[in-house]
């Protein structure tokens, strides 16, 4: 089913998303990859503030290429999500509602998504140049020293994703592998 949602997202929106849904996201999402996740995780463990509110937000596992002249952002494709798995349950406990990336997630992450009412979206790998056209604004908000892995606040319009794993433990990867 095709759905249009506005980010940040609420529990009600998450409850209406099912594995296999084609979703177009408009609104604010944040980009963060491995190094940024490590810093977020360590700050949360030490009960320190982090650079943006996790509650109801979506993180895109992306490290863009540098923007060419006249562009908002360079190629903006997804990176492998499993590299964030060790950090994800804590972020979900703190209110994160969605993640965008590519590839399978661990059972621990899937269980945490179910417990914390969250959803995992996949963006099309190899389509970073096309995905970047859906990003209308990009601003580095934290960890500038990480270069392309800095945390960015992104304003997106009709950003195309597929629900891979929903909050009900339905998982497209498992269906393809006949594990469900």
N, C-alpha and C. Protein backbone atom coordinates (compact mmCIF):
# COMPACT_ATOMS: atom_id res chain seq x y z
N UNK A 1 0.83 -1.18 0.00
CA UNK A 1 0.00 0.00 0.00
C UNK A 1 0.88 1.25 0.00
N UNK A 2 0.46 2.28 -0.67
CA UNK A 2 1.19 3.54 -0.75
C UNK A 2 0.67 4.50 0.31
N UNK A 3 1.59 5.10 1.09
CA UNK A 3 1.21 6.00 2.17
C UNK A 3 2.10 7.23 2.17
N UNK A 4 1.53 8.34 2.60
CA UNK A 4 2.26 9.60 2.74
C UNK A 4 2.23 9.98 4.21
N UNK A 5 3.41 10.23 4.77
CA UNK A 5 3.48 10.59 6.19
C UNK A 5 4.32 11.85 6.36
N UNK A 6 4.13 12.49 7.50
CA UNK A 6 4.88 13.68 7.86
C UNK A 6 5.74 13.37 9.07
N UNK A 7 7.03 13.69 8.97
CA UNK A 7 7.97 13.47 10.07
C UNK A 7 8.21 14.78 10.80
N UNK A 8 8.32 14.70 12.14
CA UNK A 8 8.35 13.54 13.00
C UNK A 8 7.02 12.76 12.96
N UNK A 9 7.08 11.51 13.46
CA UNK A 9 5.91 10.64 13.39
C UNK A 9 5.45 10.26 14.79
N UNK A 10 4.17 9.99 14.91
CA UNK A 10 3.57 9.63 16.19
C UNK A 10 3.39 8.11 16.29
N UNK A 11 3.02 7.66 17.46
CA UNK A 11 2.69 6.24 17.65
C UNK A 11 1.56 5.83 16.72
N UNK A 12 0.57 6.70 16.55
CA UNK A 12 -0.56 6.37 15.66
C UNK A 12 -0.09 6.12 14.23
N UNK A 13 0.84 6.93 13.75
CA UNK A 13 1.37 6.73 12.39
C UNK A 13 2.11 5.40 12.32
N UNK A 14 2.97 5.12 13.30
CA UNK A 14 3.72 3.87 13.32
C UNK A 14 2.76 2.68 13.30
N UNK A 15 1.67 2.77 14.06
CA UNK A 15 0.70 1.68 14.12
C UNK A 15 0.02 1.41 12.79
N UNK A 16 -0.01 2.38 11.91
CA UNK A 16 -0.66 2.23 10.60
C UNK A 16 0.29 1.79 9.49
N UNK A 17 1.55 1.57 9.83
CA UNK A 17 2.54 1.14 8.83
C UNK A 17 2.78 -0.36 8.93
N UNK A 18 2.84 -1.01 7.77
CA UNK A 18 3.01 -2.45 7.71
C UNK A 18 4.15 -2.80 6.76
N UNK A 19 4.87 -3.87 7.08
CA UNK A 19 5.93 -4.34 6.20
C UNK A 19 5.39 -4.48 4.79
N UNK A 20 6.11 -3.90 3.84
CA UNK A 20 5.69 -3.91 2.44
C UNK A 20 5.06 -2.62 1.97
N UNK A 21 4.66 -1.74 2.89
CA UNK A 21 4.09 -0.45 2.50
C UNK A 21 5.14 0.41 1.81
N UNK A 22 4.73 1.09 0.74
CA UNK A 22 5.55 2.11 0.10
C UNK A 22 5.18 3.43 0.76
N UNK A 23 6.17 4.13 1.28
CA UNK A 23 5.91 5.34 2.07
C UNK A 23 6.70 6.50 1.50
N UNK A 24 6.07 7.66 1.50
CA UNK A 24 6.71 8.91 1.09
C UNK A 24 6.73 9.81 2.32
N UNK A 25 7.93 10.17 2.75
CA UNK A 25 8.10 10.98 3.96
C UNK A 25 8.34 12.43 3.59
N UNK A 26 7.60 13.31 4.22
CA UNK A 26 7.81 14.75 4.10
C UNK A 26 8.00 15.30 5.52
N UNK A 27 8.95 16.19 5.68
CA UNK A 27 9.19 16.79 7.00
C UNK A 27 10.65 16.78 7.35
N UNK A 28 10.92 16.65 8.65
CA UNK A 28 12.29 16.70 9.17
C UNK A 28 12.72 15.31 9.60
N UNK A 29 13.88 14.89 9.10
CA UNK A 29 14.54 13.67 9.55
C UNK A 29 15.99 14.03 9.84
N UNK A 30 16.71 13.13 10.47
CA UNK A 30 18.11 13.38 10.81
C UNK A 30 18.99 12.29 10.22
N UNK A 31 20.18 12.66 9.79
CA UNK A 31 21.13 11.65 9.30
C UNK A 31 22.17 11.40 10.38
N UNK A 32 22.53 10.14 10.52
CA UNK A 32 23.59 9.76 11.46
C UNK A 32 24.09 8.38 11.06
N UNK A 33 25.40 8.22 11.11
CA UNK A 33 26.00 6.92 10.80
C UNK A 33 26.77 6.41 12.00
N UNK A 34 27.66 5.48 11.79
CA UNK A 34 28.37 4.75 12.84
C UNK A 34 28.99 5.65 13.91
N UNK A 35 29.86 6.55 13.49
CA UNK A 35 30.60 7.38 14.45
C UNK A 35 29.65 8.28 15.24
N UNK A 36 28.66 8.83 14.59
CA UNK A 36 27.68 9.68 15.28
C UNK A 36 26.84 8.85 16.25
N UNK A 37 26.47 7.64 15.84
CA UNK A 37 25.71 6.77 16.72
C UNK A 37 26.50 6.43 17.99
N UNK A 38 27.78 6.20 17.82
CA UNK A 38 28.62 5.89 18.97
C UNK A 38 28.61 7.06 19.95
N UNK A 39 28.71 8.29 19.45
CA UNK A 39 28.69 9.47 20.32
C UNK A 39 27.33 9.66 20.98
N UNK A 40 26.27 9.46 20.22
CA UNK A 40 24.92 9.57 20.80
C UNK A 40 24.74 8.56 21.92
N UNK A 41 25.12 7.33 21.65
CA UNK A 41 24.99 6.22 22.60
C UNK A 41 25.76 6.52 23.89
N UNK A 42 27.02 6.95 23.73
CA UNK A 42 27.84 7.24 24.90
C UNK A 42 27.27 8.40 25.71
N UNK A 43 26.78 9.43 25.03
CA UNK A 43 26.17 10.56 25.73
C UNK A 43 24.93 10.12 26.50
N UNK A 44 24.08 9.32 25.88
CA UNK A 44 22.87 8.84 26.55
C UNK A 44 23.22 7.96 27.75
N UNK A 45 24.23 7.12 27.62
CA UNK A 45 24.64 6.27 28.74
C UNK A 45 25.12 7.11 29.92
N UNK A 46 25.74 8.25 29.62
CA UNK A 46 26.25 9.14 30.67
C UNK A 46 25.22 10.18 31.09
N UNK A 47 23.99 10.01 30.58
CA UNK A 47 22.87 10.91 30.90
C UNK A 47 23.15 12.36 30.50
N UNK A 48 23.87 12.53 29.40
CA UNK A 48 24.16 13.85 28.86
C UNK A 48 23.17 14.19 27.76
N UNK A 49 23.06 15.46 27.46
CA UNK A 49 22.18 15.89 26.37
C UNK A 49 22.77 15.48 25.03
N UNK A 50 21.88 15.22 24.09
CA UNK A 50 22.31 14.94 22.72
C UNK A 50 21.81 16.08 21.83
N UNK A 51 22.33 16.19 20.61
CA UNK A 51 22.08 17.38 19.79
C UNK A 51 20.68 17.52 19.18
N UNK A 52 19.83 16.50 19.30
CA UNK A 52 18.45 16.63 18.82
C UNK A 52 17.57 15.69 19.62
N UNK A 53 16.31 15.98 19.62
CA UNK A 53 15.32 15.19 20.34
C UNK A 53 15.07 13.88 19.59
N UNK A 54 15.20 12.75 20.26
CA UNK A 54 14.93 11.45 19.62
C UNK A 54 13.43 11.18 19.51
N UNK A 55 12.67 11.65 20.48
CA UNK A 55 11.24 11.32 20.56
C UNK A 55 10.52 11.64 19.24
N UNK A 56 9.94 10.59 18.67
CA UNK A 56 9.12 10.66 17.45
C UNK A 56 9.92 10.95 16.18
N UNK A 57 11.21 10.98 16.26
CA UNK A 57 12.00 11.31 15.08
C UNK A 57 12.47 10.07 14.31
N UNK A 58 13.00 10.34 13.12
CA UNK A 58 13.51 9.32 12.21
C UNK A 58 14.98 9.63 11.94
N UNK A 59 15.82 8.59 12.00
CA UNK A 59 17.23 8.73 11.64
C UNK A 59 17.46 8.00 10.33
N UNK A 60 18.14 8.68 9.43
CA UNK A 60 18.52 8.12 8.13
C UNK A 60 20.00 7.76 8.20
N UNK A 61 20.32 6.50 7.98
CA UNK A 61 21.71 6.04 7.99
C UNK A 61 22.35 6.40 6.66
N UNK A 62 22.86 7.61 6.60
CA UNK A 62 23.37 8.16 5.35
C UNK A 62 24.60 9.00 5.63
N UNK A 63 25.54 8.93 4.73
CA UNK A 63 26.69 9.83 4.74
C UNK A 63 26.79 10.39 3.34
N UNK A 64 26.36 11.61 3.13
CA UNK A 64 26.30 12.14 1.76
C UNK A 64 27.68 12.45 1.18
N UNK A 65 27.73 12.43 -0.12
CA UNK A 65 28.93 12.92 -0.79
C UNK A 65 28.86 14.44 -0.78
N UNK A 66 29.98 15.12 -0.97
CA UNK A 66 29.95 16.59 -0.97
C UNK A 66 29.01 17.12 -2.06
N UNK A 67 28.34 18.21 -1.72
CA UNK A 67 27.42 18.84 -2.68
C UNK A 67 28.22 19.54 -3.78
N UNK A 68 27.75 19.40 -4.99
CA UNK A 68 28.33 20.16 -6.09
C UNK A 68 27.76 21.57 -6.03
N UNK A 69 28.40 22.47 -6.74
CA UNK A 69 27.95 23.86 -6.75
C UNK A 69 26.48 23.93 -7.15
N UNK A 70 25.71 24.67 -6.36
CA UNK A 70 24.29 24.86 -6.64
C UNK A 70 23.39 23.75 -6.09
N UNK A 71 23.98 22.72 -5.46
CA UNK A 71 23.20 21.64 -4.88
C UNK A 71 23.08 21.80 -3.38
N UNK A 72 22.03 21.25 -2.81
CA UNK A 72 21.82 21.27 -1.36
C UNK A 72 22.68 20.22 -0.68
N UNK A 73 22.80 19.07 -1.35
CA UNK A 73 23.53 17.94 -0.79
C UNK A 73 24.01 17.09 -1.95
N UNK A 74 25.07 16.32 -1.72
CA UNK A 74 25.53 15.39 -2.76
C UNK A 74 24.70 14.13 -2.75
N UNK A 75 25.19 13.11 -3.38
CA UNK A 75 24.49 11.82 -3.40
C UNK A 75 24.19 11.40 -1.97
N UNK A 76 22.97 10.93 -1.73
CA UNK A 76 22.49 10.71 -0.36
C UNK A 76 21.86 9.33 -0.20
N UNK A 77 22.61 8.30 -0.54
CA UNK A 77 22.08 6.94 -0.45
C UNK A 77 22.24 6.36 0.94
N UNK A 78 21.51 5.27 1.21
CA UNK A 78 21.58 4.63 2.53
C UNK A 78 22.84 3.82 2.71
N UNK A 79 23.20 3.62 3.97
CA UNK A 79 24.30 2.73 4.30
C UNK A 79 23.75 1.53 5.05
N UNK A 80 24.57 0.53 5.25
CA UNK A 80 24.15 -0.72 5.88
C UNK A 80 23.74 -0.48 7.34
N UNK A 81 22.51 -0.82 7.64
CA UNK A 81 21.92 -0.53 8.95
C UNK A 81 22.49 -1.36 10.08
N UNK A 82 22.90 -2.58 9.81
CA UNK A 82 23.34 -3.47 10.89
C UNK A 82 24.52 -2.89 11.67
N UNK A 83 25.26 -1.98 11.06
CA UNK A 83 26.39 -1.37 11.78
C UNK A 83 25.91 -0.52 12.95
N UNK A 84 24.65 -0.12 12.95
CA UNK A 84 24.10 0.67 14.04
C UNK A 84 23.36 -0.18 15.07
N UNK A 85 23.26 -1.49 14.84
CA UNK A 85 22.43 -2.35 15.69
C UNK A 85 22.81 -2.31 17.16
N UNK A 86 24.09 -2.24 17.48
CA UNK A 86 24.48 -2.26 18.90
C UNK A 86 24.04 -1.00 19.64
N UNK A 87 23.78 0.07 18.90
CA UNK A 87 23.36 1.33 19.53
C UNK A 87 21.84 1.53 19.50
N UNK A 88 21.18 0.86 18.60
CA UNK A 88 19.78 1.15 18.30
C UNK A 88 18.80 0.91 19.45
N UNK A 89 18.85 -0.21 20.18
CA UNK A 89 17.86 -0.40 21.24
C UNK A 89 17.79 0.77 22.24
N UNK A 90 18.92 1.32 22.62
CA UNK A 90 18.90 2.45 23.55
C UNK A 90 18.23 3.67 22.92
N UNK A 91 18.52 3.95 21.66
CA UNK A 91 17.88 5.08 20.98
C UNK A 91 16.38 4.87 20.87
N UNK A 92 15.95 3.65 20.63
CA UNK A 92 14.52 3.35 20.56
C UNK A 92 13.87 3.54 21.93
N UNK A 93 14.55 3.12 22.99
CA UNK A 93 14.03 3.32 24.35
C UNK A 93 13.84 4.80 24.65
N UNK A 94 14.66 5.65 24.07
CA UNK A 94 14.59 7.09 24.30
C UNK A 94 13.59 7.78 23.36
N UNK A 95 12.87 7.01 22.54
CA UNK A 95 11.78 7.60 21.77
C UNK A 95 11.94 7.64 20.27
N UNK A 96 13.07 7.18 19.73
CA UNK A 96 13.24 7.14 18.28
C UNK A 96 12.13 6.28 17.69
N UNK A 97 11.47 6.76 16.64
CA UNK A 97 10.33 6.04 16.05
C UNK A 97 10.64 5.41 14.71
N UNK A 98 11.68 5.86 14.01
CA UNK A 98 11.94 5.31 12.70
C UNK A 98 13.41 5.36 12.34
N UNK A 99 13.80 4.42 11.49
CA UNK A 99 15.15 4.35 10.96
C UNK A 99 15.05 4.06 9.48
N UNK A 100 15.95 4.67 8.70
CA UNK A 100 16.02 4.43 7.26
C UNK A 100 17.42 3.95 6.94
N UNK A 101 17.53 2.86 6.22
CA UNK A 101 18.83 2.35 5.83
C UNK A 101 18.67 1.28 4.78
N UNK A 102 19.57 0.31 4.82
CA UNK A 102 19.45 -0.85 3.92
C UNK A 102 19.99 -2.07 4.65
N UNK A 103 19.45 -3.22 4.32
CA UNK A 103 19.91 -4.47 4.91
C UNK A 103 19.14 -4.89 6.14
N UNK A 104 19.42 -6.11 6.56
CA UNK A 104 18.72 -6.72 7.69
C UNK A 104 19.10 -6.08 9.01
N UNK A 105 18.24 -6.29 10.01
CA UNK A 105 18.47 -5.84 11.38
C UNK A 105 18.54 -7.07 12.28
N UNK A 106 19.20 -6.93 13.41
CA UNK A 106 19.31 -8.04 14.36
C UNK A 106 17.97 -8.30 15.03
N UNK A 107 17.83 -9.49 15.59
CA UNK A 107 16.60 -9.82 16.33
C UNK A 107 16.44 -8.88 17.53
N UNK A 108 17.55 -8.48 18.13
CA UNK A 108 17.48 -7.55 19.26
C UNK A 108 16.84 -6.22 18.83
N UNK A 109 17.21 -5.72 17.66
CA UNK A 109 16.62 -4.48 17.16
C UNK A 109 15.14 -4.68 16.83
N UNK A 110 14.80 -5.79 16.19
CA UNK A 110 13.41 -6.07 15.85
C UNK A 110 12.57 -6.17 17.12
N UNK A 111 13.08 -6.85 18.14
CA UNK A 111 12.36 -6.94 19.42
C UNK A 111 12.19 -5.57 20.06
N UNK A 112 13.23 -4.75 20.00
CA UNK A 112 13.17 -3.41 20.57
C UNK A 112 12.19 -2.52 19.80
N UNK A 113 12.11 -2.70 18.49
CA UNK A 113 11.13 -1.95 17.69
C UNK A 113 9.72 -2.32 18.13
N UNK A 114 9.48 -3.59 18.37
CA UNK A 114 8.16 -4.05 18.82
C UNK A 114 7.85 -3.46 20.20
N UNK A 115 8.79 -3.54 21.10
CA UNK A 115 8.62 -3.05 22.48
C UNK A 115 8.41 -1.53 22.52
N UNK A 116 9.13 -0.79 21.65
CA UNK A 116 9.12 0.67 21.70
C UNK A 116 8.30 1.32 20.59
N UNK A 117 7.56 0.51 19.85
CA UNK A 117 6.67 1.02 18.80
C UNK A 117 7.41 1.86 17.76
N UNK A 118 8.29 1.19 17.02
CA UNK A 118 9.08 1.87 16.00
C UNK A 118 9.03 1.08 14.70
N UNK A 119 9.57 1.68 13.64
CA UNK A 119 9.52 1.09 12.31
C UNK A 119 10.88 1.27 11.61
N UNK A 120 11.20 0.29 10.75
CA UNK A 120 12.44 0.34 9.97
C UNK A 120 12.07 0.42 8.49
N UNK A 121 12.59 1.45 7.85
CA UNK A 121 12.37 1.68 6.43
C UNK A 121 13.65 1.36 5.65
N UNK A 122 13.49 0.93 4.42
CA UNK A 122 14.63 0.79 3.53
C UNK A 122 14.53 1.83 2.43
N UNK A 123 15.67 2.43 2.12
CA UNK A 123 15.78 3.31 0.96
C UNK A 123 16.55 2.51 -0.09
N UNK A 124 16.39 2.86 -1.33
CA UNK A 124 17.00 2.10 -2.41
C UNK A 124 18.50 2.39 -2.49
N UNK A 125 19.30 1.36 -2.23
CA UNK A 125 20.75 1.48 -2.37
C UNK A 125 21.09 1.70 -3.84
N UNK A 126 22.07 2.54 -4.11
CA UNK A 126 22.46 2.82 -5.49
C UNK A 126 21.68 3.94 -6.13
N UNK A 127 20.71 4.47 -5.39
CA UNK A 127 19.88 5.55 -5.93
C UNK A 127 20.12 6.87 -5.18
N UNK A 128 21.32 7.02 -4.61
CA UNK A 128 21.63 8.20 -3.81
C UNK A 128 21.45 9.52 -4.53
N UNK A 129 21.79 9.58 -5.82
CA UNK A 129 21.63 10.83 -6.57
C UNK A 129 20.16 11.18 -6.71
N UNK A 130 19.32 10.18 -6.94
CA UNK A 130 17.88 10.43 -7.04
C UNK A 130 17.28 10.80 -5.68
N UNK A 131 17.70 10.10 -4.63
CA UNK A 131 17.18 10.40 -3.29
C UNK A 131 17.55 11.81 -2.86
N UNK A 132 18.73 12.29 -3.26
CA UNK A 132 19.16 13.63 -2.86
C UNK A 132 18.21 14.71 -3.38
N UNK A 133 17.51 14.44 -4.46
CA UNK A 133 16.56 15.41 -5.01
C UNK A 133 15.34 15.61 -4.12
N UNK A 134 15.10 14.67 -3.20
CA UNK A 134 13.99 14.78 -2.25
C UNK A 134 14.40 15.57 -1.00
N UNK A 135 15.68 15.89 -0.88
CA UNK A 135 16.18 16.66 0.27
C UNK A 135 16.19 18.12 -0.10
N UNK A 136 15.36 18.89 0.58
CA UNK A 136 15.17 20.31 0.25
C UNK A 136 16.08 21.23 1.07
N UNK A 137 16.50 20.77 2.25
CA UNK A 137 17.44 21.53 3.09
C UNK A 137 18.30 20.54 3.85
N UNK A 138 19.55 20.93 4.07
CA UNK A 138 20.49 20.10 4.83
C UNK A 138 21.34 21.02 5.68
N UNK A 139 21.37 20.72 6.98
CA UNK A 139 22.14 21.55 7.90
C UNK A 139 22.88 20.64 8.88
N UNK A 140 24.19 20.79 8.98
CA UNK A 140 24.95 20.05 9.98
C UNK A 140 24.61 20.65 11.33
N UNK A 141 24.16 19.78 12.26
CA UNK A 141 23.78 20.29 13.59
C UNK A 141 24.68 19.77 14.70
N UNK A 142 25.52 18.76 14.40
CA UNK A 142 26.41 18.24 15.45
C UNK A 142 27.53 17.41 14.84
N UNK A 143 28.63 17.34 15.57
CA UNK A 143 29.77 16.49 15.24
C UNK A 143 30.34 16.82 13.86
N UNK A 144 30.49 18.10 13.60
CA UNK A 144 31.03 18.58 12.32
C UNK A 144 32.39 17.95 12.02
N UNK A 145 33.13 17.61 13.07
CA UNK A 145 34.46 17.01 12.89
C UNK A 145 34.39 15.63 12.21
N UNK A 146 33.21 15.05 12.13
CA UNK A 146 33.05 13.74 11.50
C UNK A 146 32.87 13.82 9.99
N UNK A 147 32.88 15.03 9.45
CA UNK A 147 32.74 15.20 7.99
C UNK A 147 31.41 14.69 7.50
N UNK A 148 31.43 13.77 6.54
CA UNK A 148 30.16 13.28 5.99
C UNK A 148 29.34 12.48 7.00
N UNK A 149 29.96 12.08 8.11
CA UNK A 149 29.22 11.36 9.14
C UNK A 149 28.65 12.27 10.22
N UNK A 150 28.80 13.58 10.07
CA UNK A 150 28.21 14.53 11.00
C UNK A 150 26.69 14.34 11.01
N UNK A 151 26.06 14.75 12.11
CA UNK A 151 24.60 14.68 12.16
C UNK A 151 24.03 15.86 11.40
N UNK A 152 23.10 15.56 10.51
CA UNK A 152 22.44 16.59 9.71
C UNK A 152 20.95 16.59 9.99
N UNK A 153 20.40 17.78 10.00
CA UNK A 153 18.95 17.95 10.02
C UNK A 153 18.54 18.12 8.56
N UNK A 154 17.68 17.22 8.09
CA UNK A 154 17.27 17.23 6.69
C UNK A 154 15.79 17.54 6.57
N UNK A 155 15.47 18.45 5.68
CA UNK A 155 14.07 18.68 5.33
C UNK A 155 13.83 17.92 4.04
N UNK A 156 12.91 16.95 4.09
CA UNK A 156 12.65 16.10 2.94
C UNK A 156 11.22 16.28 2.43
N UNK A 157 11.06 16.00 1.14
CA UNK A 157 9.74 16.07 0.53
C UNK A 157 9.52 14.82 -0.31
N UNK A 158 8.49 14.06 0.05
CA UNK A 158 8.15 12.82 -0.65
C UNK A 158 9.36 11.90 -0.82
N UNK A 159 10.08 11.72 0.27
CA UNK A 159 11.26 10.85 0.30
C UNK A 159 10.77 9.40 0.27
N UNK A 160 11.13 8.63 -0.79
CA UNK A 160 10.56 7.29 -0.95
C UNK A 160 11.29 6.20 -0.17
N UNK A 161 10.53 5.44 0.60
CA UNK A 161 11.07 4.32 1.36
C UNK A 161 10.05 3.17 1.36
N UNK A 162 10.50 2.02 1.80
CA UNK A 162 9.63 0.86 1.95
C UNK A 162 9.72 0.42 3.40
N UNK A 163 8.59 0.10 4.02
CA UNK A 163 8.61 -0.45 5.37
C UNK A 163 9.14 -1.87 5.26
N UNK A 164 10.29 -2.11 5.86
CA UNK A 164 10.89 -3.44 5.83
C UNK A 164 10.49 -4.22 7.08
N UNK A 165 10.51 -3.55 8.23
CA UNK A 165 10.12 -4.20 9.48
C UNK A 165 9.21 -3.25 10.24
N UNK A 166 8.04 -3.76 10.59
CA UNK A 166 7.08 -2.91 11.31
C UNK A 166 7.12 -3.21 12.81
N UNK A 167 6.28 -2.50 13.55
CA UNK A 167 6.27 -2.65 15.01
C UNK A 167 5.57 -3.93 15.47
N UNK A 168 5.07 -4.71 14.52
CA UNK A 168 4.37 -5.96 14.83
C UNK A 168 5.26 -7.18 14.55
N UNK A 169 6.54 -6.93 14.30
CA UNK A 169 7.56 -7.94 14.01
C UNK A 169 7.41 -8.57 12.62
N UNK A 170 6.64 -7.95 11.72
CA UNK A 170 6.61 -8.39 10.33
C UNK A 170 7.88 -7.87 9.69
N UNK A 171 8.56 -8.74 8.92
CA UNK A 171 9.87 -8.39 8.39
C UNK A 171 10.00 -8.93 6.97
N UNK A 172 10.12 -8.03 6.00
CA UNK A 172 10.22 -8.45 4.60
C UNK A 172 11.42 -9.35 4.34
N UNK A 173 12.54 -9.07 4.98
CA UNK A 173 13.73 -9.90 4.76
C UNK A 173 13.45 -11.34 5.17
N UNK A 174 12.80 -11.52 6.31
CA UNK A 174 12.48 -12.88 6.76
C UNK A 174 11.48 -13.56 5.82
N UNK A 175 10.53 -12.80 5.30
CA UNK A 175 9.56 -13.38 4.36
C UNK A 175 10.26 -13.87 3.09
N UNK A 176 11.18 -13.08 2.59
CA UNK A 176 11.93 -13.47 1.39
C UNK A 176 12.75 -14.73 1.64
N UNK A 177 13.29 -14.83 2.85
CA UNK A 177 14.10 -16.00 3.20
C UNK A 177 13.26 -17.14 3.77
N UNK A 178 11.93 -16.99 3.72
CA UNK A 178 10.99 -18.00 4.21
C UNK A 178 11.17 -18.31 5.70
N UNK A 179 11.48 -17.28 6.47
CA UNK A 179 11.63 -17.48 7.92
C UNK A 179 10.37 -17.04 8.65
N UNK A 180 9.38 -16.54 7.92
CA UNK A 180 8.11 -16.14 8.56
C UNK A 180 7.00 -16.95 7.98
